[in-house]
Protein backbone atom coordinates (compact mmCIF):
# COMPACT_ATOMS: atom_id res chain seq x y z
CA UNK A 1 -27.00 -23.22 -50.35
CA UNK A 2 -28.03 -22.44 -46.78
CA UNK A 3 -31.45 -20.89 -46.14
CA UNK A 4 -31.32 -17.17 -45.47
CA UNK A 5 -34.53 -16.67 -43.47
CA UNK A 6 -36.58 -18.53 -40.90
CA UNK A 7 -39.30 -19.59 -43.32
CA UNK A 8 -36.93 -21.24 -45.77
CA UNK A 9 -34.94 -22.86 -42.95
CA UNK A 10 -38.07 -24.38 -41.46
CA UNK A 11 -38.96 -25.82 -44.86
CA UNK A 12 -35.45 -27.26 -45.25
CA UNK A 13 -35.57 -28.78 -41.77
CA UNK A 14 -38.92 -30.42 -42.44
CA UNK A 15 -37.47 -31.97 -45.58
CA UNK A 16 -34.32 -33.12 -43.79
CA UNK A 17 -36.33 -34.74 -41.00
CA UNK A 18 -37.66 -37.32 -43.43
CA UNK A 19 -34.63 -37.57 -45.71
CA UNK A 20 -33.14 -41.02 -46.34
CA UNK A 21 -29.44 -41.68 -45.88
CA UNK A 22 -27.03 -44.59 -45.91
CA UNK A 23 -26.21 -45.42 -42.27
CA UNK A 24 -22.55 -45.00 -41.42
CA UNK A 25 -20.64 -47.84 -39.76
CA UNK A 26 -17.22 -47.08 -38.25
CA UNK A 27 -14.40 -49.25 -39.58
CA UNK A 28 -11.33 -50.04 -37.52
CA UNK A 29 -9.90 -48.17 -34.54
CA UNK A 30 -8.12 -45.38 -36.41
CA UNK A 31 -11.06 -43.10 -37.06
CA UNK A 32 -10.35 -39.52 -38.04
CA UNK A 33 -12.74 -37.65 -35.76
CA UNK A 34 -13.44 -34.01 -36.50
CA UNK A 35 -14.66 -31.24 -34.25
CA UNK A 36 -16.15 -27.87 -35.14
CA UNK A 37 -16.81 -24.90 -32.87
CA UNK A 38 -17.89 -21.30 -33.36
CA UNK A 39 -17.25 -18.49 -30.90
CA UNK A 40 -18.29 -14.85 -30.78
CA UNK A 41 -16.83 -11.72 -29.14
CA UNK A 42 -16.80 -11.61 -25.38
CA UNK A 43 -19.45 -9.45 -23.77
CA UNK A 44 -22.27 -9.94 -26.26
CA UNK A 45 -25.60 -9.34 -24.55
CA UNK A 46 -28.85 -11.16 -25.13
CA UNK A 47 -28.91 -13.46 -28.12
CA UNK A 48 -26.42 -11.54 -30.20
CA UNK A 49 -27.33 -10.24 -33.60
CA UNK A 50 -26.81 -10.65 -37.30
CA UNK A 51 -23.38 -9.40 -38.29
CA UNK A 52 -21.65 -10.30 -35.03
CA UNK A 53 -18.00 -11.21 -35.70
CA UNK A 54 -17.48 -14.96 -35.49
CA UNK A 55 -14.60 -17.43 -35.53
CA UNK A 56 -15.16 -21.02 -36.62
CA UNK A 57 -12.53 -23.68 -36.03
CA UNK A 58 -12.41 -27.21 -37.38
CA UNK A 59 -9.95 -29.89 -36.31
CA UNK A 60 -9.34 -33.52 -37.21
CA UNK A 61 -7.84 -35.93 -34.67
CA UNK A 62 -6.69 -39.51 -34.93
CA UNK A 63 -6.11 -41.31 -31.63
CA UNK A 64 -5.99 -38.00 -29.83
CA UNK A 65 -3.40 -36.39 -32.13
CA UNK A 66 -4.28 -33.36 -34.25
CA UNK A 67 -3.86 -34.22 -37.92
CA UNK A 68 -5.28 -31.02 -39.39
CA UNK A 69 -6.92 -27.78 -38.28
CA UNK A 70 -8.43 -24.69 -39.89
CA UNK A 71 -10.00 -21.41 -38.79
CA UNK A 72 -12.46 -19.29 -40.72
CA UNK A 73 -13.46 -15.76 -39.74
CA UNK A 74 -16.83 -14.34 -40.67
CA UNK A 75 -20.03 -12.92 -39.25
CA UNK A 76 -23.20 -14.35 -37.79
CA UNK A 77 -26.00 -14.67 -40.28
CA UNK A 78 -28.73 -14.00 -37.70
CA UNK A 79 -29.36 -13.59 -34.01
CA UNK A 80 -29.71 -16.79 -31.98
CA UNK A 81 -33.16 -18.36 -31.95
CA UNK A 82 -33.89 -21.87 -30.62
CA UNK A 83 -34.30 -24.32 -33.47
CA UNK A 84 -32.86 -21.89 -36.03
CA UNK A 85 -29.14 -22.06 -35.21
CA UNK A 86 -28.26 -22.83 -38.83
CA UNK A 87 -29.12 -19.25 -39.80
CA UNK A 88 -26.52 -17.93 -37.38
CA UNK A 89 -23.58 -20.30 -37.83
CA UNK A 90 -24.25 -22.93 -40.52
CA UNK A 91 -22.35 -21.43 -43.48
CA UNK A 92 -19.32 -20.49 -41.39
CA UNK A 93 -19.09 -23.97 -39.89
CA UNK A 94 -19.31 -25.51 -43.33
CA UNK A 95 -16.48 -23.28 -44.55
CA UNK A 96 -14.24 -24.28 -41.64
CA UNK A 97 -14.81 -28.01 -42.13
CA UNK A 98 -14.36 -27.82 -45.89
CA UNK A 99 -11.09 -26.04 -45.26
CA UNK A 100 -9.59 -29.16 -43.72
CA UNK A 101 -7.17 -30.87 -46.07
CA UNK A 102 -8.10 -34.27 -44.61
CA UNK A 103 -11.79 -35.14 -44.51
CA UNK A 104 -12.92 -36.52 -41.12
CA UNK A 105 -14.74 -39.83 -40.91
CA UNK A 106 -17.23 -38.27 -38.48
CA UNK A 107 -17.73 -34.76 -37.13
CA UNK A 108 -18.63 -33.60 -33.60
CA UNK A 109 -20.29 -30.22 -33.09
CA UNK A 110 -22.11 -28.21 -30.45
CA UNK A 111 -25.67 -28.61 -31.75
CA UNK A 112 -28.82 -30.69 -31.46
CA UNK A 113 -29.96 -33.38 -33.88
CA UNK A 114 -33.42 -34.95 -33.58
CA UNK A 115 -34.06 -33.16 -30.27
CA UNK A 116 -35.53 -30.29 -32.20
CA UNK A 117 -38.98 -28.85 -33.05
CA UNK A 118 -38.76 -30.32 -36.55
CA UNK A 119 -36.37 -33.21 -35.71
CA UNK A 120 -33.58 -31.69 -37.80
CA UNK A 121 -31.23 -29.52 -35.81
CA UNK A 122 -27.88 -28.20 -37.01
CA UNK A 123 -26.13 -31.51 -36.29
CA UNK A 124 -28.38 -33.09 -38.93
CA UNK A 125 -28.34 -30.12 -41.30
CA UNK A 126 -24.56 -29.63 -41.41
CA UNK A 127 -24.00 -33.35 -41.91
CA UNK A 128 -26.41 -33.38 -44.84
CA UNK A 129 -24.71 -30.36 -46.44
CA UNK A 130 -21.26 -31.90 -46.02
CA UNK A 131 -22.44 -35.45 -46.72
CA UNK A 132 -20.58 -36.42 -43.54
CA UNK A 133 -21.66 -38.42 -40.46
CA UNK A 134 -22.23 -36.04 -37.55
CA UNK A 135 -22.84 -36.17 -33.80
CA UNK A 136 -24.14 -33.27 -31.74
CA UNK A 137 -22.90 -32.64 -28.20
CA UNK A 138 -24.71 -30.23 -25.87
CA UNK A 139 -24.80 -29.46 -22.15
CA UNK A 140 -28.56 -29.97 -21.92
CA UNK A 141 -31.45 -31.12 -24.11
CA UNK A 142 -33.29 -28.64 -26.31
CA UNK A 143 -36.81 -30.07 -25.96
CA UNK A 144 -36.37 -33.63 -24.71
CA UNK A 145 -36.27 -34.87 -21.14
CA UNK A 146 -34.81 -37.78 -19.22
CA UNK A 147 -33.11 -38.71 -15.97
CA UNK A 148 -29.34 -38.58 -15.62
CA UNK A 149 -27.35 -41.81 -16.08
CA UNK A 150 -25.22 -43.66 -13.55
CA UNK A 151 -21.91 -42.22 -12.39
CA UNK A 152 -19.51 -44.49 -14.29
CA UNK A 153 -17.71 -43.43 -17.46
CA UNK A 154 -19.83 -44.55 -20.41
CA UNK A 155 -23.13 -44.73 -18.51
CA UNK A 156 -26.08 -43.50 -20.58
CA UNK A 157 -29.78 -42.79 -20.16
CA UNK A 158 -32.25 -41.85 -22.91
CA UNK A 159 -33.77 -38.45 -23.55
CA UNK A 160 -37.20 -38.48 -25.14
CA UNK A 161 -39.74 -36.27 -26.80
CA UNK A 162 -42.96 -38.05 -25.90
CA UNK A 163 -42.26 -41.73 -26.42
CA UNK A 164 -39.50 -41.17 -28.99
CA UNK A 165 -35.85 -41.47 -27.99
CA UNK A 166 -33.98 -38.62 -29.69
CA UNK A 167 -30.63 -38.81 -27.88
CA UNK A 168 -29.12 -39.66 -24.53
CA UNK A 169 -27.27 -38.38 -21.52
CA UNK A 170 -23.70 -39.70 -21.47
CA UNK A 171 -21.29 -39.67 -18.54
CA UNK A 172 -17.87 -39.05 -20.06
CA UNK A 173 -16.15 -38.90 -16.67
CA UNK A 174 -17.21 -40.05 -13.18
CA UNK A 175 -18.33 -37.30 -10.84
CA UNK A 176 -18.96 -34.63 -13.51
CA UNK A 177 -22.18 -33.53 -15.16
CA UNK A 178 -23.11 -35.69 -18.16
CA UNK A 179 -23.41 -34.39 -21.71
CA UNK A 180 -26.24 -34.91 -24.17
CA UNK A 181 -25.36 -36.93 -27.28
CA UNK A 182 -27.44 -36.19 -30.39
CA UNK A 183 -27.27 -38.54 -33.37
CA UNK A 184 -26.89 -36.32 -36.41
CA UNK A 185 -26.61 -37.18 -40.09
CA UNK A 186 -26.19 -40.88 -41.00
CA UNK A 187 -25.48 -41.89 -37.37
CA UNK A 188 -27.61 -43.95 -34.98
CA UNK A 189 -27.56 -43.46 -31.21
CA UNK A 190 -25.35 -46.43 -30.34
CA UNK A 191 -22.77 -45.40 -32.92
CA UNK A 192 -22.88 -41.79 -31.73
CA UNK A 193 -22.22 -42.84 -28.13
CA UNK A 194 -19.35 -45.10 -29.19
CA UNK A 195 -17.69 -42.28 -31.12
CA UNK A 196 -18.02 -39.82 -28.25
CA UNK A 197 -16.70 -42.24 -25.64
CA UNK A 198 -13.72 -43.20 -27.81
CA UNK A 199 -12.96 -39.52 -28.50
CA UNK A 200 -13.12 -38.52 -24.82
CA UNK A 201 -9.99 -38.44 -22.72
CA UNK A 202 -9.69 -37.26 -19.13
CA UNK A 203 -11.92 -34.24 -19.61
CA UNK A 204 -15.67 -33.88 -19.82
CA UNK A 205 -15.73 -32.61 -23.41
CA UNK A 206 -14.67 -34.98 -26.22
CA UNK A 207 -11.17 -34.07 -27.36
CA UNK A 208 -11.96 -33.02 -30.97
CA UNK A 209 -14.63 -30.60 -29.79
CA UNK A 210 -12.42 -29.29 -26.98
CA UNK A 211 -9.53 -28.67 -29.38
CA UNK A 212 -11.82 -26.90 -31.84
CA UNK A 213 -13.13 -24.68 -29.04
CA UNK A 214 -9.58 -23.79 -27.97
CA UNK A 215 -8.58 -22.99 -31.54
CA UNK A 216 -11.60 -20.75 -32.15
CA UNK A 217 -10.98 -18.87 -28.90
CA UNK A 218 -7.30 -18.36 -29.71
CA UNK A 219 -8.29 -16.91 -33.09
CA UNK A 220 -10.70 -14.57 -31.35
CA UNK A 221 -8.04 -13.38 -28.91
CA UNK A 222 -5.54 -12.87 -31.72
CA UNK A 223 -8.02 -10.56 -33.45
CA UNK A 224 -8.35 -8.19 -30.48
């Protein structure tokens, strides 16, 4: 069960930060890579609020081809607050991923992992709930810092909180702004980078996450 208030979520995150897991190792070159994305109505001001309509989409791709996809409609559990994203979108994302008929080998989502006040962002939390390897992808770090990488596809540079590496910048395409890769549940940084690079085509955003974003936005438009 997902926490329903900030106090219980903080306690769950502190527990997850030190939780043990069996590290995941990709096998073969036919990985089923999932993506999950949540969108909200256009025109929301500020941080949004509890009860905002929400559309969560989950997809599963193998070698760039969509194998399965699902959409779940619901409402936000809370307004947005840094470090507490699970209160707003966690249950709806879980429902969308569990709706897939084919379970992904690894899941990409728009969330932080260890770059978090308690080292357990939604990329870690959702993976633990689903018992599924996860990788977070964001446009910028949450707390960490680090210089951008080189300009070649696949170039990386670490992002750190103090002396601890919690993720990295990754250049998915030359000449475009890099993304931040966050190891989530059961995934180390090198594995996370490998998954993201292999799942990225000619666009900046990895294909499973891009397809999930498109699907969620189409569901939102269909509901207007």
